Protein backbone atom coordinates (compact mmCIF):
# COMPACT_ATOMS: atom_id res chain seq x y z
CA MET A 1 61.84 48.25 100.82
CA ASP A 2 63.73 50.29 98.26
CA PHE A 3 67.23 51.75 98.74
CA SER A 4 66.10 54.89 100.61
CA GLU A 5 63.65 53.07 102.85
CA GLN A 6 66.29 50.55 103.90
CA LEU A 7 68.61 53.40 104.78
CA PHE A 8 66.11 55.33 106.91
CA ALA A 9 64.87 52.14 108.59
CA LYS A 10 68.29 51.75 110.23
CA PHE A 11 67.80 55.07 112.03
CA SER A 12 64.31 54.54 113.38
CA GLY A 13 63.90 56.39 116.67
CA CYS A 14 67.02 58.54 116.12
CA ARG A 15 67.43 62.23 115.36
CA ILE A 16 68.24 63.15 111.76
CA PHE A 17 69.67 66.56 110.92
CA CYS A 18 69.45 67.46 107.23
CA GLY A 19 72.14 69.72 105.81
CA PHE A 20 69.69 71.99 103.97
CA SER A 21 71.11 74.58 101.57
CA GLY A 22 67.82 75.02 99.72
CA GLY A 23 69.31 73.66 96.49
CA ALA A 24 67.74 70.85 94.50
CA ASP A 25 69.76 68.06 96.14
CA SER A 26 69.21 68.99 99.78
CA THR A 27 65.56 69.88 99.10
CA ALA A 28 64.97 66.40 97.66
CA ALA A 29 66.73 64.79 100.64
CA LEU A 30 64.61 66.81 103.10
CA LEU A 31 61.36 65.98 101.27
CA LEU A 32 62.21 62.28 101.15
CA ALA A 33 63.04 62.25 104.86
CA ARG A 34 59.81 64.09 105.66
CA LYS A 35 57.81 61.60 103.56
CA LEU A 36 59.27 58.58 105.41
CA GLN A 37 59.31 60.15 108.88
CA PRO A 38 55.89 58.84 110.02
CA ARG A 39 56.86 55.32 109.00
CA PHE A 40 60.20 55.15 110.80
CA GLY A 41 59.63 57.57 113.68
CA TYR A 42 62.80 59.67 113.73
CA GLU A 43 63.08 63.33 114.66
CA LEU A 44 63.87 65.53 111.67
CA HIS A 45 65.64 68.90 111.75
CA ALA A 46 66.85 71.18 108.93
CA ILE A 47 70.22 72.90 109.37
CA HIS A 48 71.40 75.66 107.03
CA PHE A 49 75.05 76.78 107.03
CA ASN A 50 75.64 80.33 105.84
CA HIS A 51 79.29 80.87 104.88
CA HIS A 52 78.52 84.45 103.72
CA LEU A 53 80.61 83.92 100.57
CA ARG A 54 78.11 85.51 98.16
CA GLY A 55 76.80 88.44 100.17
CA LYS A 56 73.06 89.11 99.77
CA GLU A 57 72.61 85.95 97.71
CA SER A 58 73.77 83.83 100.68
CA ASP A 59 71.43 85.65 103.07
CA LEU A 60 68.47 85.30 100.69
CA GLU A 61 69.08 81.54 100.40
CA ALA A 62 69.05 81.26 104.20
CA GLU A 63 65.71 83.11 104.37
CA ASN A 64 64.15 80.93 101.65
CA ALA A 65 65.42 77.75 103.28
CA ALA A 66 63.82 78.81 106.59
CA ARG A 67 60.48 79.47 104.88
CA PHE A 68 60.52 76.12 103.07
CA ALA A 69 61.26 74.20 106.27
CA GLN A 70 58.44 76.08 107.99
CA THR A 71 55.94 75.00 105.32
CA LEU A 72 56.87 71.37 106.11
CA ASN A 73 56.68 72.01 109.86
CA ILE A 74 60.33 70.97 110.26
CA PRO A 75 62.45 72.66 112.97
CA PHE A 76 65.02 74.90 111.26
CA ARG A 77 68.28 76.47 112.37
CA CYS A 78 70.73 78.69 110.49
CA ILE A 79 74.38 78.55 111.55
CA ASP A 80 76.89 81.19 110.45
CA LEU A 81 80.31 79.78 109.50
CA ALA A 82 83.29 81.95 108.56
CA ILE A 83 86.03 80.69 106.22
CA PRO A 84 89.63 81.76 107.01
CA ALA A 85 91.14 84.17 104.50
CA GLY A 86 93.39 82.51 101.93
CA ALA A 87 92.02 79.03 102.60
CA ASN A 88 90.96 76.54 99.95
CA LEU A 89 87.26 77.41 99.90
CA GLU A 90 85.84 73.96 99.21
CA SER A 91 87.92 72.04 101.75
CA ALA A 92 87.80 74.82 104.36
CA ALA A 93 83.99 75.05 104.13
CA ARG A 94 83.68 71.26 104.38
CA ASN A 95 85.95 71.15 107.45
CA ALA A 96 84.02 74.00 109.07
CA ARG A 97 80.75 72.13 108.58
CA ILE A 98 82.15 68.91 110.06
CA ASP A 99 83.39 70.83 113.11
CA ALA A 100 79.93 72.40 113.47
CA TRP A 101 78.21 69.02 113.19
CA LYS A 102 80.45 67.57 115.90
CA LYS A 103 79.40 70.34 118.28
CA LEU A 104 75.72 70.23 117.33
CA LEU A 105 74.83 66.54 117.24
CA PRO A 106 73.41 64.82 120.32
CA PRO A 107 73.77 61.05 120.89
CA ARG A 108 71.87 58.70 118.53
CA SER A 109 71.80 61.15 115.65
CA ALA A 110 72.90 61.34 112.02
CA VAL A 111 73.42 63.94 109.30
CA LEU A 112 71.41 63.70 106.09
CA LEU A 113 73.11 64.91 102.90
CA GLY A 114 71.87 65.28 99.32
CA HIS A 115 74.82 63.74 97.47
CA HIS A 116 73.72 61.88 94.36
CA ALA A 117 75.05 59.64 91.57
CA ASP A 118 76.64 62.52 89.65
CA ASP A 119 78.53 63.62 92.79
CA ARG A 120 79.95 60.09 93.05
CA LYS A 121 81.34 60.31 89.52
CA GLU A 122 83.08 63.59 90.32
CA ASN A 123 84.43 62.08 93.52
CA LEU A 124 85.70 59.03 91.64
CA LEU A 125 87.73 61.19 89.23
CA ILE A 126 89.17 63.39 91.99
CA ARG A 127 90.15 60.41 94.16
CA LEU A 128 91.55 58.57 91.13
CA CYS A 129 93.90 61.48 90.42
CA ARG A 130 94.98 61.47 94.07
CA GLY A 131 95.90 57.78 93.98
CA SER A 132 93.13 56.42 96.22
CA ASN A 133 92.44 52.71 96.68
CA ALA A 134 89.04 51.02 96.24
CA GLY A 135 87.85 52.40 99.57
CA GLY A 136 88.75 55.97 98.61
CA LEU A 137 87.35 55.69 95.09
CA SER A 138 83.97 54.60 96.51
CA SER A 139 84.18 56.70 99.67
CA MET A 140 80.87 58.49 99.10
CA ARG A 141 78.84 55.70 100.73
CA PRO A 142 75.15 55.52 101.76
CA VAL A 143 76.32 55.49 105.39
CA SER A 144 79.74 56.76 106.45
CA ILE A 145 81.36 58.00 109.64
CA VAL A 146 83.78 60.96 109.60
CA ASP A 147 85.32 62.20 112.86
CA GLY A 148 82.55 60.45 114.77
CA VAL A 149 79.75 62.02 112.70
CA THR A 150 77.40 59.62 110.88
CA PHE A 151 76.37 60.78 107.41
CA LEU A 152 73.41 59.41 105.41
CA ARG A 153 73.14 59.75 101.63
CA PRO A 154 69.79 58.35 100.39
CA LEU A 155 70.05 59.87 96.88
CA LEU A 156 73.21 58.12 95.68
CA GLN A 157 71.29 56.05 93.13
CA MET A 158 69.62 59.12 91.58
CA THR A 159 71.11 61.46 88.99
CA ARG A 160 70.66 65.22 89.18
CA ARG A 161 68.02 65.05 86.44
CA GLU A 162 66.07 62.38 88.33
CA ILE A 163 66.24 64.51 91.47
CA GLU A 164 64.73 67.49 89.65
CA ASP A 165 61.99 65.25 88.25
CA PHE A 166 61.28 64.05 91.81
CA LEU A 167 60.99 67.66 93.04
CA ARG A 168 58.50 68.54 90.31
CA SER A 169 56.45 65.45 91.17
CA CYS A 170 56.27 66.87 94.71
CA GLY A 171 55.04 70.22 93.42
CA VAL A 172 58.36 72.01 93.88
CA GLU A 173 59.30 74.08 90.83
CA LYS A 174 61.93 76.41 92.29
CA TRP A 175 65.02 75.83 94.40
CA ALA A 176 68.20 77.73 95.21
CA VAL A 177 70.84 77.83 92.48
CA ASP A 178 74.33 78.79 93.68
CA SER A 179 75.67 81.31 91.15
CA SER A 180 79.22 80.05 91.76
CA ASN A 181 78.20 76.63 90.38
CA ALA A 182 78.56 78.02 86.85
CA SER A 183 82.20 78.95 87.42
CA THR A 184 84.82 76.43 86.29
CA ASP A 185 87.35 77.87 88.76
CA PHE A 186 86.36 75.10 91.16
CA LEU A 187 87.43 71.57 90.23
CA ARG A 188 84.06 69.95 90.84
CA ASN A 189 82.30 72.57 88.74
CA TYR A 190 84.73 71.96 85.88
CA LEU A 191 84.16 68.21 86.04
CA ARG A 192 80.38 68.65 86.25
CA ASN A 193 79.90 71.34 83.63
CA ARG A 194 82.58 70.52 81.08
CA PHE A 195 84.62 67.35 81.52
CA LEU A 196 81.89 64.77 82.17
CA PRO A 197 79.52 66.03 79.42
CA GLU A 198 82.40 65.99 76.92
CA LEU A 199 83.42 62.50 78.06
CA GLU A 200 79.88 61.24 77.45
CA LYS A 201 79.91 62.71 73.95
CA LEU A 202 83.28 61.16 73.17
CA PHE A 203 82.48 57.83 74.82
CA PRO A 204 78.70 57.28 74.91
CA GLY A 205 77.63 55.24 77.92
CA SER A 206 80.72 56.16 79.94
CA LEU A 207 78.72 57.81 82.74
CA LYS A 208 76.65 54.67 83.30
CA GLY A 209 79.87 52.67 83.14
CA MET A 210 81.36 54.85 85.89
CA GLU A 211 78.33 54.16 88.08
CA ARG A 212 78.83 50.42 87.65
CA SER A 213 82.54 50.77 88.43
CA ILE A 214 81.77 52.69 91.63
CA ASN A 215 79.35 49.99 92.75
CA ALA A 216 81.93 47.29 92.02
CA LEU A 217 84.66 49.20 93.88
CA GLU A 218 82.31 49.70 96.82
CA ALA A 219 81.57 45.97 96.97
CA ASP A 220 85.30 45.14 96.85
CA ALA A 221 86.12 47.70 99.55
CA GLU A 222 83.31 46.52 101.83
CA PHE A 223 84.49 42.90 101.50
CA ILE A 224 88.10 43.77 102.41
CA ASP A 225 86.87 46.01 105.26
CA SER A 226 84.76 43.16 106.66
CA CYS A 227 87.76 40.81 106.51
CA VAL A 228 89.89 43.31 108.42
CA ALA A 229 87.13 43.90 110.98
CA ALA A 230 87.08 40.15 111.70
CA ILE A 231 90.80 40.00 112.56
CA PRO A 232 91.32 39.36 116.32
CA PRO A 233 92.59 42.50 118.15
CA ALA A 234 95.82 40.82 119.27
CA GLN A 235 96.77 40.01 115.67
CA LYS A 236 96.13 43.59 114.60
CA LYS A 237 99.09 44.64 116.79
CA SER A 238 101.38 41.76 115.85
CA ILE A 239 104.21 42.65 113.45
CA SER A 240 104.64 39.02 112.44
CA PHE A 241 100.94 38.98 111.43
CA TRP A 242 101.36 42.20 109.43
CA ARG A 243 104.22 40.57 107.51
CA THR A 244 101.87 37.88 106.17
CA GLN A 245 99.23 40.33 104.95
CA HIS A 246 98.58 41.95 101.57
CA ASP A 247 99.03 45.73 101.26
CA ALA A 248 95.24 46.04 100.87
CA VAL A 249 94.91 44.70 104.41
CA ARG A 250 97.92 46.53 105.83
CA ILE A 251 96.68 49.96 104.74
CA ARG A 252 93.35 49.29 106.46
CA LEU A 253 95.11 48.09 109.58
CA LEU A 254 97.09 51.32 109.49
CA ARG A 255 93.95 53.42 109.23
CA GLU A 256 92.29 51.55 112.09
CA LEU A 257 95.42 51.78 114.26
CA THR A 258 96.25 55.45 113.65
CA GLY A 259 92.77 56.90 113.13
CA VAL A 260 93.91 58.79 110.01
CA ILE A 261 93.87 58.03 106.29
CA PRO A 262 97.38 56.66 105.62
CA THR A 263 99.43 57.79 102.65
CA TYR A 264 101.26 55.33 100.44
CA ASP A 265 104.53 56.85 101.68
CA LEU A 266 103.56 55.88 105.22
CA LEU A 267 102.64 52.37 104.05
CA GLU A 268 106.02 52.01 102.31
CA ARG A 269 107.83 53.12 105.49
CA VAL A 270 105.87 50.60 107.56
CA ASN A 271 106.56 47.87 105.00
CA ARG A 272 110.30 48.53 105.31
CA GLU A 273 110.20 48.48 109.10
CA ILE A 274 108.11 45.35 109.66
CA VAL A 275 110.59 43.12 107.81
CA LEU A 276 113.27 44.02 110.36
CA THR A 277 113.63 41.74 113.38
CA SER A 278 115.41 44.18 115.68
CA GLY A 279 114.08 44.39 119.21
CA GLU A 280 115.06 48.07 119.44
CA LEU A 281 112.31 50.68 119.59
CA ARG A 282 111.54 52.19 116.19
CA ARG A 283 109.28 55.19 115.71
CA ILE A 284 107.39 56.16 112.56
CA PRO A 285 105.79 59.64 112.46
CA VAL A 286 102.23 59.72 111.11
CA ASN A 287 101.40 63.39 111.67
CA SER A 288 102.10 66.07 114.26
CA HIS A 289 100.02 64.24 116.87
CA VAL A 290 100.44 60.54 116.14
CA GLU A 291 103.34 58.18 115.60
CA LEU A 292 103.79 54.43 115.49
CA PHE A 293 106.01 52.50 117.90
CA LEU A 294 107.51 49.19 116.77
CA ARG A 295 109.39 46.90 119.13
CA HIS A 296 109.88 43.15 119.12
CA ASP A 297 106.59 41.83 117.68
CA LEU A 298 104.39 44.78 118.65
CA ILE A 299 103.16 47.74 116.60
CA GLU A 300 101.25 50.39 118.56
CA LYS A 301 99.93 53.92 118.22
CA GLY A 302 101.54 56.61 120.34
CA HIS A 303 101.35 60.35 120.76
CA ALA A 304 104.07 62.21 118.90
CA THR A 305 106.46 64.35 120.90
CA PRO A 306 108.48 65.90 118.09
CA GLU A 307 111.96 66.96 119.02
CA VAL A 308 112.44 69.78 116.55
CA PRO A 309 116.09 70.71 115.97
CA ALA A 310 117.01 74.34 115.66
CA SER A 311 118.55 75.62 112.44
CA PHE A 312 121.94 74.08 111.69
CA PHE A 313 124.47 74.02 108.84
CA TRP A 314 125.78 70.88 107.17
CA ASN A 315 129.00 70.52 105.22
CA TRP A 316 127.75 67.60 103.19
CA GLN A 317 131.02 67.03 101.33
CA GLU A 318 133.11 66.58 104.47
CA ILE A 319 130.40 65.01 106.67
CA PRO A 320 128.26 62.67 104.50
CA VAL A 321 126.02 61.63 107.42
CA ILE A 322 124.61 63.99 110.03
CA ALA A 323 121.98 63.65 112.80
CA ARG A 324 120.24 66.37 114.77
CA GLY A 325 117.54 65.21 117.17
CA ARG A 326 115.19 62.94 115.21
CA TRP A 327 116.45 64.19 111.84
CA HIS A 328 119.04 62.07 110.03
CA PHE A 329 120.52 63.15 106.68
CA SER A 330 122.98 61.36 104.43
CA ALA A 331 124.67 62.29 101.13
CA HIS A 332 125.62 59.76 98.45
CA ARG A 333 127.42 60.26 95.15
CA ILE A 334 125.62 58.44 92.32
CA THR A 335 126.42 58.04 88.64
CA GLU A 336 122.96 58.39 87.12
CA ILE A 337 119.64 59.91 88.13
CA GLU A 338 117.38 57.74 90.25
CA LYS A 339 113.67 57.92 90.91
CA CYS A 340 113.46 59.62 94.29
CA PRO A 341 110.75 59.04 96.92
CA LEU A 342 109.73 61.98 99.08
CA THR A 343 112.42 61.03 101.60
CA SER A 344 115.25 61.69 99.11
CA ALA A 345 116.29 64.22 96.48
CA CYS A 346 118.95 64.38 93.75
CA PHE A 347 120.97 67.49 92.80
CA ASP A 348 123.76 68.62 90.50
CA ALA A 349 126.68 68.37 92.93
CA ASP A 350 128.77 70.94 91.02
CA GLN A 351 126.07 73.62 91.39
CA LEU A 352 125.29 72.90 95.03
CA PRO A 353 127.12 74.86 97.75
CA THR A 354 129.22 72.89 100.21
CA LEU A 355 127.37 74.37 103.17
CA LEU A 356 123.62 73.73 103.44
CA GLU A 357 121.20 75.12 106.01
CA ILE A 358 118.53 72.84 107.51
CA SER A 359 115.66 73.89 109.75
CA PRO A 360 111.86 73.84 109.99
CA ALA A 361 110.20 75.99 107.33
CA HIS A 362 109.85 79.66 108.22
CA PRO A 363 106.32 81.16 108.28
CA GLY A 364 105.32 82.19 104.77
CA GLU A 365 108.46 80.69 103.23
CA ARG A 366 108.31 79.92 99.52
CA MET A 367 110.19 77.75 97.04
CA ILE A 368 110.30 77.08 93.29
CA PRO A 369 109.30 73.42 92.84
CA PHE A 370 111.24 71.31 90.36
CA GLY A 371 109.72 71.65 86.90
CA SER A 372 108.18 75.05 87.66
CA VAL A 373 109.28 78.65 87.16
CA ASN A 374 106.99 80.18 89.78
CA ASP A 375 107.50 80.03 93.51
CA GLU A 376 104.81 78.67 95.83
CA LYS A 377 104.21 78.76 99.55
CA ILE A 378 105.63 75.70 101.26
CA LYS A 379 102.54 75.65 103.46
CA LYS A 380 100.35 75.14 100.36
CA LEU A 381 102.65 72.43 99.01
CA ARG A 382 102.42 70.65 102.36
CA THR A 383 98.63 70.93 102.29
CA ASP A 384 98.57 69.43 98.79
CA ARG A 385 100.50 66.46 100.21
CA ARG A 386 98.03 66.28 103.12
CA ILE A 387 100.83 66.93 105.60
CA PRO A 388 99.63 68.83 108.69
CA ALA A 389 100.99 72.37 108.68
CA ASP A 390 102.42 71.95 112.18
CA HIS A 391 104.38 68.74 111.50
CA PRO A 392 108.05 69.73 111.73
CA PHE A 393 109.45 68.22 108.54
CA PRO A 394 112.63 70.14 107.62
CA VAL A 395 113.60 72.21 104.62
CA MET A 396 117.07 72.37 103.08
CA ARG A 397 118.41 75.71 101.86
CA ALA A 398 121.27 76.39 99.47
CA ALA A 399 122.59 79.96 99.32
CA GLY A 400 119.48 81.05 101.22
CA LYS A 401 117.04 79.43 98.78
CA VAL A 402 114.92 76.40 99.61
CA CYS A 403 116.15 73.55 97.42
CA TRP A 404 114.21 70.75 99.11
CA ALA A 405 111.11 70.65 101.31
CA VAL A 406 111.49 67.17 102.78
CA MET A 407 108.45 64.90 102.28
CA VAL A 408 106.90 67.67 100.15
CA ARG A 409 108.72 68.76 96.96
CA HIS A 410 112.13 68.80 95.37
CA GLY A 411 113.18 72.32 94.37
CA ALA A 412 114.44 73.68 91.05
CA PHE A 413 117.76 74.88 92.49
CA ALA A 414 120.79 72.88 91.23
CA ALA A 415 118.48 70.54 89.37
CA VAL A 416 119.92 67.55 87.54
CA THR A 417 119.95 68.01 83.75
CA PRO A 418 121.36 65.98 80.82
CA GLU A 419 124.53 68.08 81.14
CA THR A 420 125.04 67.19 84.81
CA ARG A 421 128.28 65.27 85.41
CA ASN A 422 128.21 64.76 89.19
CA ILE A 423 125.03 63.84 91.05
CA VAL A 424 124.50 63.82 94.80
CA LYS A 425 121.54 62.09 96.37
CA PHE A 426 120.36 63.21 99.81
CA GLU A 427 118.30 60.87 101.99
CA PHE A 428 116.25 61.74 105.07
CA GLU A 429 115.13 59.60 108.00
CA GLU A 430 113.15 60.62 111.09
CA TYR A 431 113.42 58.59 114.29
């Protein structure tokens, strides 16, 4: 059996729902699934999501998709999905589809998608810039599970050109073309239409090289994942066991334990805590719903019950350490600038007011990030850091202006420059 046949064989007797936009990729996936259906005996359905982002063009695509599915005698359903105003279109649409799949899918079912080799290259570049590990860099897998939904991608070894050749061999000459695909306003479109073609011109053979790298990363990630899966459950909750493991294993243990993709900041916090031998209860926030509990030799997942302090003022010069609820701040005089993690920030002490205000961010509040001249919504900055909007990380204000969004960004107010003579470093802990 070839790659696609092996994939469909695993879902014999199941129900497969194809995400069918009517474009070349999803059309090829639907045709391939229809071709192999008699052999492997699964139910096949075509699902079209209409986000209504392009007016009549979106509606026409839905009508054409319905007609195409009808010609193949495949049950078809169109689902309307609205995108919240002001949201990041790509991520919001993807999240809306996942939520819809979770509601739609019955037991023993999977979602068929038309992602292909070129999509994997784009994904590799995006994840590389975000600092992903081998698992993240090769995350577009033939079979993956997201929020309990199983996704199948049988076209990952085909390029877009090969997919179009396959469609023509099946007698299909026309397919939907999203007019927004030509715009470089979206990151993926820019990578697809400009960056990758230019890279191939500059470095011939680079696209094939990227495919080989993705396959190698996938093999490495699958090997580490299999090693972690084989660890006995009791050891997965033992702090002394965690101490003996490589970070590549620890970050996977974290993902399995918390159920979320851990950040490197979270991994660093865990690494600091597991070397301590205190028997006292220690708590590490993961997001607004989950936190880790560490005590004696046990690390466990718990449900977060954030104790959010009200707004308070801090005279940092007279009181260098202050605690309110789970928030702990400290101020330290230093002689030269230090590289600051997201839990700390350095300022010009002579330009900083003595009295600072600390509280959760106000709705719609903005700040000027360090190195920028334009203000941005703190909510967007938090989203960029993948911090849930409802997690109560504090902000620090000086003279009414946000100078530090903790765990998010350091502000431009009272920034340290070569002329700065006195530097203060603030550090934050949450317990």
